[in-house]
Amino acid sequence: MRSYLIYQEKVTRFNADPEIQQLLAELDREQAPRRSSFEEVRKHTFDVVALRKRGYAYERLDQLTMELLLGVR
């Protein structure tokens, strides 16, 4: 039960963190349309240059999440 309560507190902090929530909102807006099959994804042409310009929001989100989990955020 103690571990559950610790994780519950981490989730509460994750959901309340403005920087994390801003990154999640940005990522949600940039989300590519969902594909319904492997074949559709395989046939899709990705604009690599445009993807690079979007930046590294997932990397930043990962870093912030780890900091939160480790208790340094």
N, C-alpha and C. Protein backbone atom coordinates (compact mmCIF):
# COMPACT_ATOMS: atom_id res chain seq x y z
N MET A 1 0.82 -1.19 0.00
CA MET A 1 0.00 0.00 0.00
C MET A 1 0.86 1.25 0.00
N ARG A 2 1.99 1.19 0.72
CA ARG A 2 2.87 2.35 0.79
C ARG A 2 3.38 2.73 -0.61
N SER A 3 3.78 1.73 -1.39
CA SER A 3 4.26 2.00 -2.76
C SER A 3 3.16 2.63 -3.60
N TYR A 4 1.95 2.12 -3.47
CA TYR A 4 0.82 2.67 -4.22
C TYR A 4 0.65 4.15 -3.88
N LEU A 5 0.72 4.49 -2.61
CA LEU A 5 0.54 5.88 -2.19
C LEU A 5 1.66 6.78 -2.71
N ILE A 6 2.87 6.24 -2.77
CA ILE A 6 4.00 6.99 -3.32
C ILE A 6 3.75 7.28 -4.80
N TYR A 7 3.35 6.26 -5.55
CA TYR A 7 3.06 6.45 -6.98
C TYR A 7 1.87 7.38 -7.20
N GLN A 8 0.89 7.27 -6.34
CA GLN A 8 -0.27 8.15 -6.45
C GLN A 8 0.16 9.62 -6.31
N GLU A 9 1.05 9.88 -5.38
CA GLU A 9 1.56 11.24 -5.18
C GLU A 9 2.36 11.70 -6.41
N LYS A 10 3.14 10.79 -7.00
CA LYS A 10 3.90 11.14 -8.21
C LYS A 10 2.97 11.49 -9.36
N VAL A 11 1.90 10.75 -9.52
CA VAL A 11 0.92 11.03 -10.57
C VAL A 11 0.26 12.39 -10.35
N THR A 12 -0.07 12.68 -9.11
CA THR A 12 -0.66 13.97 -8.78
C THR A 12 0.30 15.09 -9.14
N ARG A 13 1.56 14.93 -8.81
CA ARG A 13 2.56 15.95 -9.13
C ARG A 13 2.77 16.06 -10.64
N PHE A 14 2.77 14.93 -11.34
CA PHE A 14 2.90 14.92 -12.80
C PHE A 14 1.75 15.72 -13.43
N ASN A 15 0.53 15.44 -12.99
CA ASN A 15 -0.64 16.11 -13.54
C ASN A 15 -0.69 17.59 -13.18
N ALA A 16 -0.04 18.00 -12.10
CA ALA A 16 -0.07 19.40 -11.66
C ALA A 16 1.11 20.21 -12.19
N ASP A 17 2.11 19.54 -12.76
CA ASP A 17 3.31 20.25 -13.21
C ASP A 17 3.02 21.02 -14.49
N PRO A 18 3.10 22.35 -14.47
CA PRO A 18 2.74 23.15 -15.64
C PRO A 18 3.64 22.90 -16.85
N GLU A 19 4.93 22.68 -16.63
CA GLU A 19 5.83 22.45 -17.76
C GLU A 19 5.53 21.12 -18.43
N ILE A 20 5.28 20.10 -17.64
CA ILE A 20 4.94 18.78 -18.20
C ILE A 20 3.61 18.86 -18.95
N GLN A 21 2.63 19.52 -18.37
CA GLN A 21 1.32 19.62 -19.02
C GLN A 21 1.40 20.43 -20.32
N GLN A 22 2.25 21.45 -20.35
CA GLN A 22 2.43 22.23 -21.58
C GLN A 22 3.04 21.36 -22.67
N LEU A 23 4.05 20.57 -22.32
CA LEU A 23 4.66 19.67 -23.30
C LEU A 23 3.65 18.65 -23.81
N LEU A 24 2.84 18.09 -22.92
CA LEU A 24 1.83 17.12 -23.34
C LEU A 24 0.82 17.75 -24.30
N ALA A 25 0.43 18.99 -24.02
CA ALA A 25 -0.52 19.69 -24.90
C ALA A 25 0.10 19.93 -26.27
N GLU A 26 1.37 20.33 -26.30
CA GLU A 26 2.06 20.55 -27.57
C GLU A 26 2.17 19.25 -28.37
N LEU A 27 2.52 18.18 -27.69
CA LEU A 27 2.65 16.89 -28.36
C LEU A 27 1.31 16.41 -28.88
N ASP A 28 0.25 16.67 -28.14
CA ASP A 28 -1.08 16.26 -28.57
C ASP A 28 -1.50 17.01 -29.83
N ARG A 29 -1.17 18.29 -29.90
CA ARG A 29 -1.51 19.08 -31.10
C ARG A 29 -0.73 18.62 -32.32
N GLU A 30 0.52 18.18 -32.09
CA GLU A 30 1.39 17.79 -33.20
C GLU A 30 1.18 16.33 -33.60
N GLN A 31 0.36 15.63 -32.89
CA GLN A 31 0.18 14.20 -33.12
C GLN A 31 -0.22 13.93 -34.57
N ALA A 32 0.49 13.02 -35.18
CA ALA A 32 0.15 12.62 -36.54
C ALA A 32 -1.18 11.89 -36.53
N PRO A 33 -1.90 11.93 -37.63
CA PRO A 33 -3.17 11.21 -37.69
C PRO A 33 -2.94 9.72 -37.41
N ARG A 34 -3.85 9.14 -36.72
CA ARG A 34 -3.74 7.72 -36.40
C ARG A 34 -3.93 6.88 -37.67
N ARG A 35 -3.15 5.86 -37.78
CA ARG A 35 -3.25 4.94 -38.92
C ARG A 35 -3.99 3.69 -38.46
N SER A 36 -4.77 3.15 -39.33
CA SER A 36 -5.57 2.01 -38.92
C SER A 36 -4.91 0.67 -39.24
N SER A 37 -3.85 0.68 -40.04
CA SER A 37 -3.22 -0.59 -40.35
C SER A 37 -1.72 -0.40 -40.58
N PHE A 38 -1.01 -1.48 -40.46
CA PHE A 38 0.42 -1.47 -40.71
C PHE A 38 0.69 -1.04 -42.14
N GLU A 39 -0.11 -1.50 -43.07
CA GLU A 39 0.09 -1.18 -44.48
C GLU A 39 0.01 0.33 -44.71
N GLU A 40 -0.94 1.00 -44.08
CA GLU A 40 -1.07 2.45 -44.24
C GLU A 40 0.16 3.17 -43.69
N VAL A 41 0.64 2.74 -42.55
CA VAL A 41 1.83 3.36 -41.97
C VAL A 41 3.04 3.10 -42.87
N ARG A 42 3.15 1.89 -43.35
CA ARG A 42 4.27 1.54 -44.22
C ARG A 42 4.28 2.37 -45.49
N LYS A 43 3.13 2.67 -46.03
CA LYS A 43 3.03 3.43 -47.28
C LYS A 43 3.16 4.94 -47.07
N HIS A 44 3.00 5.39 -45.83
CA HIS A 44 3.05 6.82 -45.55
C HIS A 44 4.46 7.38 -45.75
N THR A 45 4.57 8.55 -46.36
CA THR A 45 5.84 9.21 -46.54
C THR A 45 5.99 10.25 -45.44
N PHE A 46 7.05 10.13 -44.66
CA PHE A 46 7.30 11.05 -43.57
C PHE A 46 8.24 12.16 -44.02
N ASP A 47 7.94 13.38 -43.66
CA ASP A 47 8.79 14.53 -43.96
C ASP A 47 9.82 14.64 -42.85
N VAL A 48 10.99 14.06 -43.07
CA VAL A 48 12.03 13.98 -42.05
C VAL A 48 12.50 15.38 -41.66
N VAL A 49 12.64 16.28 -42.62
CA VAL A 49 13.09 17.64 -42.32
C VAL A 49 12.10 18.32 -41.38
N ALA A 50 10.82 18.20 -41.67
CA ALA A 50 9.79 18.80 -40.82
C ALA A 50 9.78 18.17 -39.43
N LEU A 51 9.99 16.86 -39.36
CA LEU A 51 10.04 16.18 -38.07
C LEU A 51 11.20 16.68 -37.23
N ARG A 52 12.34 16.91 -37.86
CA ARG A 52 13.50 17.43 -37.13
C ARG A 52 13.24 18.83 -36.60
N LYS A 53 12.53 19.64 -37.36
CA LYS A 53 12.24 21.02 -36.96
C LYS A 53 11.30 21.08 -35.76
N ARG A 54 10.52 20.04 -35.54
CA ARG A 54 9.58 20.03 -34.42
C ARG A 54 10.29 20.03 -33.08
N GLY A 55 11.52 19.59 -33.07
CA GLY A 55 12.28 19.61 -31.83
C GLY A 55 12.23 18.29 -31.09
N TYR A 56 12.56 18.38 -29.82
CA TYR A 56 12.75 17.17 -29.02
C TYR A 56 11.85 17.18 -27.79
N ALA A 57 10.58 17.43 -28.00
CA ALA A 57 9.65 17.52 -26.88
C ALA A 57 9.56 16.20 -26.11
N TYR A 58 9.62 15.07 -26.79
CA TYR A 58 9.54 13.79 -26.08
C TYR A 58 10.77 13.59 -25.19
N GLU A 59 11.92 14.00 -25.67
CA GLU A 59 13.13 13.89 -24.87
C GLU A 59 13.01 14.76 -23.61
N ARG A 60 12.50 15.98 -23.77
CA ARG A 60 12.31 16.88 -22.64
C ARG A 60 11.28 16.31 -21.66
N LEU A 61 10.19 15.76 -22.20
CA LEU A 61 9.17 15.15 -21.35
C LEU A 61 9.75 13.97 -20.57
N ASP A 62 10.55 13.17 -21.22
CA ASP A 62 11.20 12.04 -20.54
C ASP A 62 12.09 12.53 -19.41
N GLN A 63 12.87 13.58 -19.66
CA GLN A 63 13.75 14.12 -18.63
C GLN A 63 12.96 14.64 -17.43
N LEU A 64 11.91 15.41 -17.70
CA LEU A 64 11.09 15.95 -16.62
C LEU A 64 10.41 14.85 -15.81
N THR A 65 9.95 13.81 -16.50
CA THR A 65 9.30 12.68 -15.82
C THR A 65 10.29 11.95 -14.91
N MET A 66 11.50 11.72 -15.42
CA MET A 66 12.52 11.05 -14.60
C MET A 66 12.88 11.90 -13.39
N GLU A 67 13.00 13.20 -13.57
CA GLU A 67 13.31 14.08 -12.44
C GLU A 67 12.20 14.01 -11.39
N LEU A 68 10.96 13.98 -11.85
CA LEU A 68 9.85 13.88 -10.92
C LEU A 68 9.88 12.55 -10.16
N LEU A 69 10.09 11.46 -10.89
CA LEU A 69 10.13 10.13 -10.26
C LEU A 69 11.29 9.99 -9.29
N LEU A 70 12.42 10.62 -9.60
CA LEU A 70 13.58 10.53 -8.73
C LEU A 70 13.54 11.49 -7.56
N GLY A 71 12.54 12.37 -7.57
CA GLY A 71 12.36 13.28 -6.44
C GLY A 71 13.22 14.54 -6.50
N VAL A 72 13.75 14.86 -7.65
CA VAL A 72 14.55 16.08 -7.77
C VAL A 72 13.77 17.20 -8.43
N ARG A 73 12.53 16.95 -8.72
CA ARG A 73 11.66 17.96 -9.33
C ARG A 73 10.45 18.15 -8.45
